[in-house]
């Protein structure tokens, strides 16, 4: 599977990484390049879930939950205007409704990055 980012057909760009890894810098650059015609969403993942997900990765032996606790930040928002947070306990339906509310809708005849009035 291949992914194309920064292209007019890109529909989703996911930034992942621990605190201090550069996510805010990338989000600010994307916002600067594409304006406010995009949604910035942060998923609030509790530490226990982060550890459980890490345990399923090939790299699980590279660092321990104790190592992770030293850099984990519970509310690791990007701090970029317009960002919204999806709480950990939300259902899929709640999450999709929130994303739909915050994602801009482009008209088929609009150029990329131009929102349509709803």
C-alpha atoms as a PDB file:
ATOM      1  CA  UNK A   1       0.000   0.000   0.000  1.00  0.00           C
ATOM      2  CA  UNK A   2       1.343   3.430  -0.815  1.00  0.00           C
ATOM      3  CA  UNK A   3       0.354   6.798   0.604  1.00  0.00           C
ATOM      4  CA  UNK A   4       0.469  10.171  -1.113  1.00  0.00           C
ATOM      5  CA  UNK A   5       0.732  13.172   1.150  1.00  0.00           C
ATOM      6  CA  UNK A   6       0.560  16.823   0.267  1.00  0.00           C
ATOM      7  CA  UNK A   7      -1.320  15.980  -2.929  1.00  0.00           C
ATOM      8  CA  UNK A   8      -4.747  17.335  -3.853  1.00  0.00           C
ATOM      9  CA  UNK A   9      -6.183  13.831  -3.446  1.00  0.00           C
ATOM     10  CA  UNK A  10      -4.887  13.415   0.104  1.00  0.00           C
ATOM     11  CA  UNK A  11      -7.829  12.997   2.430  1.00  0.00           C
ATOM     12  CA  UNK A  12      -6.073  12.144   5.702  1.00  0.00           C
ATOM     13  CA  UNK A  13      -2.691  12.921   7.175  1.00  0.00           C
ATOM     14  CA  UNK A  14      -1.875  11.281  10.515  1.00  0.00           C
ATOM     15  CA  UNK A  15       0.892  12.661  12.716  1.00  0.00           C
ATOM     16  CA  UNK A  16       2.055  10.265  15.407  1.00  0.00           C
ATOM     17  CA  UNK A  17       4.878  10.362  17.879  1.00  0.00           C
ATOM     18  CA  UNK A  18       5.842  11.087  21.443  1.00  0.00           C
ATOM     19  CA  UNK A  19       6.002  14.574  22.920  1.00  0.00           C
ATOM     20  CA  UNK A  20       8.824  16.612  21.476  1.00  0.00           C
ATOM     21  CA  UNK A  21       9.034  14.603  18.243  1.00  0.00           C
ATOM     22  CA  UNK A  22       8.043  17.491  15.953  1.00  0.00           C
ATOM     23  CA  UNK A  23       4.290  16.933  15.449  1.00  0.00           C
ATOM     24  CA  UNK A  24       3.459  20.574  16.266  1.00  0.00           C
ATOM     25  CA  UNK A  25       6.070  21.861  13.824  1.00  0.00           C
ATOM     26  CA  UNK A  26       4.658  19.667  11.051  1.00  0.00           C
ATOM     27  CA  UNK A  27       1.038  20.628  11.894  1.00  0.00           C
ATOM     28  CA  UNK A  28       1.946  24.336  11.806  1.00  0.00           C
ATOM     29  CA  UNK A  29       3.678  23.900   8.435  1.00  0.00           C
ATOM     30  CA  UNK A  30       0.671  22.042   6.990  1.00  0.00           C
ATOM     31  CA  UNK A  31      -1.708  24.710   8.342  1.00  0.00           C
ATOM     32  CA  UNK A  32       0.525  27.427   6.875  1.00  0.00           C
ATOM     33  CA  UNK A  33       0.624  25.723   3.479  1.00  0.00           C
ATOM     34  CA  UNK A  34      -3.057  24.788   3.262  1.00  0.00           C
ATOM     35  CA  UNK A  35      -4.796  27.367   5.455  1.00  0.00           C
ATOM     36  CA  UNK A  36      -7.787  26.561   7.566  1.00  0.00           C
ATOM     37  CA  UNK A  37      -9.319  24.158   5.040  1.00  0.00           C
ATOM     38  CA  UNK A  38      -8.281  21.224   7.181  1.00  0.00           C
ATOM     39  CA  UNK A  39      -9.117  19.788  10.593  1.00  0.00           C
ATOM     40  CA  UNK A  40      -6.542  19.122  13.293  1.00  0.00           C
ATOM     41  CA  UNK A  41      -7.724  16.356  15.601  1.00  0.00           C
ATOM     42  CA  UNK A  42      -5.976  14.917  18.640  1.00  0.00           C
ATOM     43  CA  UNK A  43      -6.981  11.532  20.029  1.00  0.00           C
ATOM     44  CA  UNK A  44      -6.655  11.349  23.818  1.00  0.00           C
ATOM     45  CA  UNK A  45      -5.125   7.899  24.355  1.00  0.00           C
ATOM     46  CA  UNK A  46      -4.634   6.897  28.016  1.00  0.00           C
ATOM     47  CA  UNK A  47      -1.245   5.599  29.113  1.00  0.00           C
ATOM     48  CA  UNK A  48      -2.593   2.071  29.689  1.00  0.00           C
ATOM     49  CA  UNK A  49      -3.913   1.922  26.109  1.00  0.00           C
ATOM     50  CA  UNK A  50      -0.615   3.306  24.799  1.00  0.00           C
ATOM     51  CA  UNK A  51       1.247   0.511  26.627  1.00  0.00           C
ATOM     52  CA  UNK A  52      -1.179  -2.141  25.321  1.00  0.00           C
ATOM     53  CA  UNK A  53      -0.744  -0.903  21.734  1.00  0.00           C
ATOM     54  CA  UNK A  54       3.042  -0.786  22.149  1.00  0.00           C
ATOM     55  CA  UNK A  55       3.069  -4.422  23.294  1.00  0.00           C
ATOM     56  CA  UNK A  56       1.713  -5.485  19.876  1.00  0.00           C
ATOM     57  CA  UNK A  57       4.479  -3.776  17.893  1.00  0.00           C
ATOM     58  CA  UNK A  58       7.645  -5.404  16.498  1.00  0.00           C
ATOM     59  CA  UNK A  59       9.625  -2.802  18.461  1.00  0.00           C
ATOM     60  CA  UNK A  60       7.983  -3.720  21.786  1.00  0.00           C
ATOM     61  CA  UNK A  61      11.288  -4.929  23.244  1.00  0.00           C
ATOM     62  CA  UNK A  62      13.116  -1.680  22.430  1.00  0.00           C
ATOM     63  CA  UNK A  63      11.716   0.156  25.463  1.00  0.00           C
ATOM     64  CA  UNK A  64       9.622  -0.688  28.501  1.00  0.00           C
ATOM     65  CA  UNK A  65       6.422   0.781  29.956  1.00  0.00           C
ATOM     66  CA  UNK A  66       8.635   2.413  32.581  1.00  0.00           C
ATOM     67  CA  UNK A  67      10.619   4.116  29.799  1.00  0.00           C
ATOM     68  CA  UNK A  68       7.360   5.200  28.190  1.00  0.00           C
ATOM     69  CA  UNK A  69       6.068   6.730  31.426  1.00  0.00           C
ATOM     70  CA  UNK A  70       9.074   9.090  31.456  1.00  0.00           C
ATOM     71  CA  UNK A  71       8.010  10.737  28.171  1.00  0.00           C
ATOM     72  CA  UNK A  72       4.235  10.133  28.113  1.00  0.00           C
ATOM     73  CA  UNK A  73       2.101  13.293  28.286  1.00  0.00           C
ATOM     74  CA  UNK A  74      -1.575  12.683  29.075  1.00  0.00           C
ATOM     75  CA  UNK A  75      -2.975  15.700  27.222  1.00  0.00           C
ATOM     76  CA  UNK A  76      -0.450  16.011  24.408  1.00  0.00           C
ATOM     77  CA  UNK A  77      -2.225  18.636  22.323  1.00  0.00           C
ATOM     78  CA  UNK A  78      -0.416  20.279  19.434  1.00  0.00           C
ATOM     79  CA  UNK A  79      -1.467  23.756  20.539  1.00  0.00           C
ATOM     80  CA  UNK A  80      -2.386  24.758  16.998  1.00  0.00           C
ATOM     81  CA  UNK A  81      -5.497  26.959  16.625  1.00  0.00           C
ATOM     82  CA  UNK A  82      -8.562  24.979  15.609  1.00  0.00           C
ATOM     83  CA  UNK A  83      -7.388  21.681  17.078  1.00  0.00           C
ATOM     84  CA  UNK A  84     -10.076  19.460  18.583  1.00  0.00           C
ATOM     85  CA  UNK A  85      -9.687  16.526  20.953  1.00  0.00           C
ATOM     86  CA  UNK A  86     -11.464  13.181  20.730  1.00  0.00           C
ATOM     87  CA  UNK A  87     -11.782  11.761  24.282  1.00  0.00           C
ATOM     88  CA  UNK A  88     -10.691   8.160  24.843  1.00  0.00           C
ATOM     89  CA  UNK A  89     -14.144   6.935  25.919  1.00  0.00           C
ATOM     90  CA  UNK A  90     -16.034   8.090  22.836  1.00  0.00           C
ATOM     91  CA  UNK A  91     -17.777   5.551  20.649  1.00  0.00           C
ATOM     92  CA  UNK A  92     -16.986   5.233  16.969  1.00  0.00           C
ATOM     93  CA  UNK A  93     -20.266   6.997  16.170  1.00  0.00           C
ATOM     94  CA  UNK A  94     -19.406   9.930  18.474  1.00  0.00           C
ATOM     95  CA  UNK A  95     -15.933  10.176  16.957  1.00  0.00           C
ATOM     96  CA  UNK A  96     -17.237  10.141  13.387  1.00  0.00           C
ATOM     97  CA  UNK A  97     -19.833  12.787  14.236  1.00  0.00           C
ATOM     98  CA  UNK A  98     -17.130  15.036  15.739  1.00  0.00           C
ATOM     99  CA  UNK A  99     -14.842  14.533  12.739  1.00  0.00           C
ATOM    100  CA  UNK A 100     -17.692  15.275  10.339  1.00  0.00           C
ATOM    101  CA  UNK A 101     -18.444  18.453  12.275  1.00  0.00           C
ATOM    102  CA  UNK A 102     -14.835  19.677  12.140  1.00  0.00           C
ATOM    103  CA  UNK A 103     -13.780  18.562   8.671  1.00  0.00           C
ATOM    104  CA  UNK A 104     -14.274  21.156   5.948  1.00  0.00           C
ATOM    105  CA  UNK A 105     -16.506  20.141   3.063  1.00  0.00           C
ATOM    106  CA  UNK A 106     -15.264  21.118  -0.377  1.00  0.00           C
ATOM    107  CA  UNK A 107     -17.575  21.666  -3.284  1.00  0.00           C
ATOM    108  CA  UNK A 108     -16.800  19.437  -6.296  1.00  0.00           C
ATOM    109  CA  UNK A 109     -16.194  22.605  -8.305  1.00  0.00           C
ATOM    110  CA  UNK A 110     -14.058  24.285  -5.619  1.00  0.00           C
ATOM    111  CA  UNK A 111     -10.277  24.235  -5.827  1.00  0.00           C
ATOM    112  CA  UNK A 112      -8.491  22.219  -3.120  1.00  0.00           C
ATOM    113  CA  UNK A 113      -8.555  23.948   0.264  1.00  0.00           C
ATOM    114  CA  UNK A 114     -11.708  25.971  -0.434  1.00  0.00           C
ATOM    115  CA  UNK A 115     -14.644  25.300   1.875  1.00  0.00           C
ATOM    116  CA  UNK A 116     -18.262  25.200   0.865  1.00  0.00           C
ATOM    117  CA  UNK A 117     -20.844  26.984   3.000  1.00  0.00           C
ATOM    118  CA  UNK A 118     -23.074  24.429   4.712  1.00  0.00           C
END
